[in-house]
Amino acid sequence: MAIALAAAVLSLLSIPAEAEAQTHGNAQAEQSQALRDRGGPTRTLPPTGRYVADSGEAFVLDHSGQRPLLRFDRRDETWVLRPAAAPRGDVIYRNDAGDQLLRVTPGGGITVYTPRAPGGSPASFAGPGQSLTPPTLGPAQLFQLMAQRSAMLSQAMDRLIEINIDTDGQAEGLAVEALILSTDAVLRIARSPTARSTLDRLRSITIVEGQRASVTYARGNLRIVVAPVQGVAGRPSSARVIEAFLASPER
């Protein structure tokens, strides 16, 4: 399925001995690799459901699938969590850009890390939560979503921005998520006085299907590859999209 939509923009919008340290480091690296290979030790995660942090932020944690997922209240993006071993048997969960989102103790205690609480805030179970599996839409609904997202971009940019999606039905859910998170990322950059200039050459957003999720920005085109073979991890996060803009030589 290939859909293209052009939006006209209306206005601007502690220290061990050396040998012991090496052994510990190797063991921790091996444990981290084992966790990644398994998609994460769900036995160490608290129950699936909704959580509220002491900082006031709430989120849904869903580990009913192959990989644990997290979504904050009033946010469109679902974060795919990647585990890594930490001291004292803890497990740290990060997004695909390496940002720490959760730390879980062997006893199930959970700390969430956000811009509001960068040092971490304890979180407690508040009840059941919704499933965070990717959405599926028909062609008409997808086109409508593209139109809505283009209208949002039209309030932030001052020129024509073209959106293209070229995937099949198997990749539809990932394409929908990629569309939402990429346009959200552009809007976030556009609101930043110091980063807005990285969008000066943006002319199009293209989402295609491939074997491995990726995001690149070159010659005015933001290109996102979604990969159904990678499951829910088969699309880059908004953090990766922002990194692509900030790292581009076109800025």
Protein backbone atom coordinates (compact mmCIF):
# COMPACT_ATOMS: atom_id res chain seq x y z
CA MET A 1 0.00 0.00 0.00
CA ALA A 2 1.39 3.37 -0.91
CA ILE A 3 -0.23 6.59 0.17
CA ALA A 4 1.13 10.07 -0.35
CA LEU A 5 -0.23 13.24 1.14
CA ALA A 6 1.12 16.79 0.76
CA ALA A 7 0.22 19.31 3.44
CA ALA A 8 0.34 23.05 2.71
CA VAL A 9 1.57 24.92 5.73
CA LEU A 10 -0.57 27.87 6.72
CA SER A 11 1.42 29.54 9.52
CA LEU A 12 4.57 29.27 11.68
CA LEU A 13 3.95 27.79 14.38
CA SER A 14 32.06 1.47 44.83
CA ILE A 15 35.87 0.09 43.58
CA PRO A 16 36.85 -3.66 43.55
CA ALA A 17 40.31 -5.08 42.83
CA GLU A 18 41.22 -4.99 39.16
CA ALA A 19 40.77 -8.73 38.52
CA GLU A 20 37.50 -8.79 40.46
CA ALA A 21 36.26 -5.76 38.58
CA GLN A 22 37.05 -7.39 35.23
CA THR A 23 35.24 -10.59 36.24
CA HIS A 24 32.25 -8.60 37.47
CA GLY A 25 32.16 -6.54 34.28
CA ASN A 26 32.30 -9.61 32.06
CA ALA A 27 29.57 -11.34 34.04
CA GLN A 28 27.37 -8.27 33.88
CA ALA A 29 27.91 -7.92 30.13
CA GLU A 30 27.03 -11.58 29.61
CA GLN A 31 23.92 -11.20 31.73
CA SER A 32 22.87 -8.13 29.77
CA GLN A 33 23.31 -9.99 26.48
CA ALA A 34 21.26 -12.91 27.78
CA LEU A 35 18.50 -10.52 28.82
CA ARG A 36 18.47 -8.90 25.39
CA ASP A 37 18.39 -12.27 23.64
CA ARG A 38 15.34 -13.26 25.66
CA GLY A 39 13.66 -9.92 25.18
CA GLY A 40 13.86 -9.23 28.92
CA PRO A 41 13.15 -11.16 32.13
CA THR A 42 9.45 -10.52 32.61
CA ARG A 43 9.62 -12.37 35.95
CA THR A 44 11.49 -9.38 37.38
CA LEU A 45 8.94 -6.89 36.11
CA PRO A 46 6.02 -5.80 38.27
CA PRO A 47 2.55 -6.82 37.03
CA THR A 48 1.17 -5.50 33.78
CA GLY A 49 -1.02 -2.50 34.52
CA ARG A 50 -1.11 1.20 35.28
CA TYR A 51 1.44 2.81 37.62
CA VAL A 52 1.69 6.19 39.30
CA ALA A 53 5.05 7.70 40.28
CA ASP A 54 5.69 9.82 43.35
CA SER A 55 6.42 12.66 40.93
CA GLY A 56 2.79 12.48 39.79
CA GLU A 57 3.37 10.96 36.38
CA ALA A 58 1.38 7.88 35.41
CA PHE A 59 2.11 5.20 32.83
CA VAL A 60 1.01 1.80 31.56
CA LEU A 61 3.46 -1.11 31.65
CA ASP A 62 2.60 -4.04 29.39
CA HIS A 63 4.79 -7.15 29.26
CA SER A 64 2.20 -9.53 27.84
CA GLY A 65 4.12 -9.78 24.57
CA GLN A 66 7.67 -10.61 23.50
CA ARG A 67 9.06 -7.29 24.74
CA PRO A 68 7.90 -5.05 27.59
CA LEU A 69 6.17 -1.84 26.53
CA LEU A 70 5.57 1.46 28.33
CA ARG A 71 3.37 4.42 27.57
CA PHE A 72 2.94 7.55 29.66
CA ASP A 73 -0.52 9.02 30.18
CA ARG A 74 -1.54 11.63 27.62
CA ARG A 75 1.25 10.52 25.28
CA ASP A 76 0.84 8.83 21.90
CA GLU A 77 4.17 7.00 21.86
CA THR A 78 4.70 3.47 23.15
CA TRP A 79 8.29 2.80 24.23
CA VAL A 80 9.80 -0.63 23.57
CA LEU A 81 11.98 -1.46 26.59
CA ARG A 82 15.40 -3.09 26.28
CA PRO A 83 16.87 -4.73 29.42
CA ALA A 84 20.41 -4.48 30.77
CA ALA A 85 21.86 -5.93 33.98
CA ALA A 86 22.74 -3.49 36.77
CA PRO A 87 24.46 -3.78 40.17
CA ARG A 88 22.74 -5.62 43.05
CA GLY A 89 20.72 -7.72 40.61
CA ASP A 90 18.66 -4.79 39.35
CA VAL A 91 17.58 -4.55 35.71
CA ILE A 92 17.57 -1.26 33.81
CA TYR A 93 15.18 -0.84 30.91
CA ARG A 94 16.08 1.64 28.17
CA ASN A 95 14.58 2.78 24.88
CA ASP A 96 16.28 2.32 21.52
CA ALA A 97 18.19 5.60 21.95
CA GLY A 98 19.77 4.35 25.20
CA ASP A 99 17.70 6.54 27.52
CA GLN A 100 16.93 4.94 30.89
CA LEU A 101 13.20 4.71 31.53
CA LEU A 102 12.84 2.11 34.31
CA ARG A 103 14.94 0.42 37.00
CA VAL A 104 13.52 -2.73 38.59
CA THR A 105 14.87 -4.43 41.72
CA PRO A 106 14.88 -8.23 42.24
CA GLY A 107 11.98 -7.73 44.62
CA GLY A 108 9.88 -5.94 42.00
CA GLY A 109 10.42 -2.35 43.14
CA ILE A 110 10.20 0.06 40.23
CA THR A 111 11.68 3.50 39.59
CA VAL A 112 10.73 5.57 36.55
CA TYR A 113 12.97 8.23 34.96
CA THR A 114 11.44 11.21 33.19
CA PRO A 115 12.40 14.83 32.38
CA ARG A 116 10.38 15.86 35.42
CA ALA A 117 12.26 13.37 37.64
CA PRO A 118 15.63 12.69 35.92
CA GLY A 119 17.01 11.21 39.14
CA GLY A 120 14.20 8.69 39.25
CA SER A 121 10.88 8.51 41.06
CA PRO A 122 9.43 5.40 42.78
CA ALA A 123 6.25 4.13 41.17
CA SER A 124 3.45 1.96 42.54
CA PHE A 125 0.77 -0.21 40.96
CA ALA A 126 -2.52 1.62 40.52
CA GLY A 127 -4.69 -0.93 38.69
CA PRO A 128 -5.18 -2.62 35.33
CA GLY A 129 -4.03 -0.93 32.14
CA GLN A 130 -4.80 -1.14 28.44
CA SER A 131 -2.95 -3.33 25.98
CA LEU A 132 -0.16 -1.48 24.16
CA THR A 133 -0.06 -3.61 21.02
CA PRO A 134 0.34 -1.57 17.79
CA PRO A 135 -2.91 -0.32 16.24
CA THR A 136 -4.24 -1.48 12.89
CA LEU A 137 -6.19 0.73 10.52
CA GLY A 138 -7.71 0.35 7.10
CA PRO A 139 -6.48 2.40 4.11
CA ALA A 140 -9.16 5.06 4.56
CA GLN A 141 -8.42 5.51 8.27
CA LEU A 142 -4.69 5.62 7.60
CA PHE A 143 -5.19 8.31 5.00
CA GLN A 144 -7.31 10.27 7.49
CA LEU A 145 -4.58 9.95 10.10
CA MET A 146 -2.04 11.22 7.60
CA ALA A 147 -4.28 14.19 6.88
CA GLN A 148 -4.64 14.95 10.59
CA ARG A 149 -0.91 14.68 11.16
CA SER A 150 -0.20 16.87 8.15
CA ALA A 151 -2.59 19.48 9.54
CA MET A 152 -0.60 19.46 12.79
CA LEU A 153 2.64 19.96 10.88
CA SER A 154 0.99 22.77 8.91
CA GLN A 155 0.77 24.78 12.14
CA ALA A 156 4.49 24.43 12.76
CA MET A 157 6.12 24.75 9.31
CA ASP A 158 5.95 27.37 6.59
CA ARG A 159 6.11 25.25 3.48
CA LEU A 160 4.88 22.11 1.78
CA ILE A 161 5.77 18.89 3.66
CA GLU A 162 5.10 15.61 1.86
CA ILE A 163 4.28 12.41 3.74
CA ASN A 164 4.70 9.04 2.02
CA ILE A 165 3.95 5.55 3.34
CA ASP A 166 4.87 2.47 1.31
CA THR A 167 4.25 -0.71 3.34
CA ASP A 168 2.05 -3.79 3.19
CA GLY A 169 -0.64 -4.90 5.63
CA GLN A 170 1.77 -6.77 7.88
CA ALA A 171 3.65 -3.56 8.62
CA GLU A 172 0.61 -1.35 8.99
CA GLY A 173 0.62 -1.13 12.79
CA LEU A 174 4.31 -0.21 12.83
CA ALA A 175 3.78 2.33 10.06
CA VAL A 176 0.97 3.98 12.04
CA GLU A 177 3.20 4.27 15.10
CA ALA A 178 6.11 5.55 13.01
CA LEU A 179 3.87 8.21 11.47
CA ILE A 180 2.65 9.42 14.86
CA LEU A 181 6.02 9.46 16.60
CA SER A 182 7.90 11.05 13.70
CA THR A 183 5.44 13.92 13.33
CA ASP A 184 5.43 14.39 17.12
CA ALA A 185 9.24 14.58 17.00
CA VAL A 186 9.14 17.24 14.28
CA LEU A 187 6.67 19.28 16.29
CA ARG A 188 8.86 19.06 19.40
CA ILE A 189 11.89 20.26 17.44
CA ALA A 190 9.89 23.06 15.84
CA ARG A 191 8.99 24.40 19.30
CA SER A 192 12.66 24.57 20.33
CA PRO A 193 14.35 27.92 19.58
CA THR A 194 17.78 26.25 19.56
CA ALA A 195 16.89 23.18 17.47
CA ARG A 196 14.30 24.51 15.02
CA SER A 197 16.93 25.31 12.41
CA THR A 198 17.54 21.56 11.94
CA LEU A 199 14.18 21.47 10.13
CA ASP A 200 15.07 24.17 7.61
CA ARG A 201 15.53 21.70 4.76
CA LEU A 202 12.81 19.24 5.70
CA ARG A 203 10.58 18.59 2.71
CA SER A 204 9.26 15.04 3.17
CA ILE A 205 8.72 12.14 5.57
CA THR A 206 8.88 8.67 4.02
CA ILE A 207 8.00 5.40 5.78
CA VAL A 208 8.95 2.14 4.08
CA GLU A 209 9.26 -1.55 5.00
CA GLY A 210 12.57 -3.38 5.50
CA GLN A 211 14.46 -6.00 7.48
CA ARG A 212 15.68 -3.72 10.28
CA ALA A 213 14.20 -0.60 11.81
CA SER A 214 16.16 2.58 11.10
CA VAL A 215 15.84 6.30 10.62
CA THR A 216 17.94 8.65 8.50
CA TYR A 217 17.69 12.28 7.46
CA ALA A 218 19.36 13.45 4.27
CA ARG A 219 18.64 15.90 1.46
CA GLY A 220 15.48 17.13 3.19
CA ASN A 221 13.91 13.69 3.50
CA LEU A 222 13.29 11.93 6.82
CA ARG A 223 13.31 8.23 5.92
CA ILE A 224 11.98 5.67 8.41
CA VAL A 225 12.25 1.90 7.90
CA VAL A 226 9.83 -0.33 9.79
CA ALA A 227 10.58 -4.05 10.15
CA PRO A 228 7.72 -6.46 10.96
CA VAL A 229 10.28 -9.27 11.50
CA GLN A 230 11.42 -7.38 14.63
CA GLY A 231 7.95 -7.35 16.15
CA VAL A 232 7.01 -4.37 18.28
CA ALA A 233 10.66 -3.26 18.22
CA GLY A 234 10.44 -2.88 14.45
CA ARG A 235 10.25 0.90 14.34
CA PRO A 236 12.50 3.64 15.72
CA SER A 237 11.33 5.80 18.61
CA SER A 238 10.83 9.56 18.55
CA ALA A 239 14.17 9.88 20.40
CA ARG A 240 15.89 8.21 17.43
CA VAL A 241 14.07 10.52 15.04
CA ILE A 242 15.24 13.59 16.95
CA GLU A 243 18.80 12.21 17.00
CA ALA A 244 18.66 11.86 13.21
CA PHE A 245 17.85 15.55 12.80
CA LEU A 246 20.39 16.77 15.34
CA ALA A 247 23.19 14.60 13.90
CA SER A 248 22.51 15.56 10.30
CA PRO A 249 25.22 17.56 8.46
CA GLU A 250 22.37 19.54 6.89
CA ARG A 251 21.64 21.42 10.14
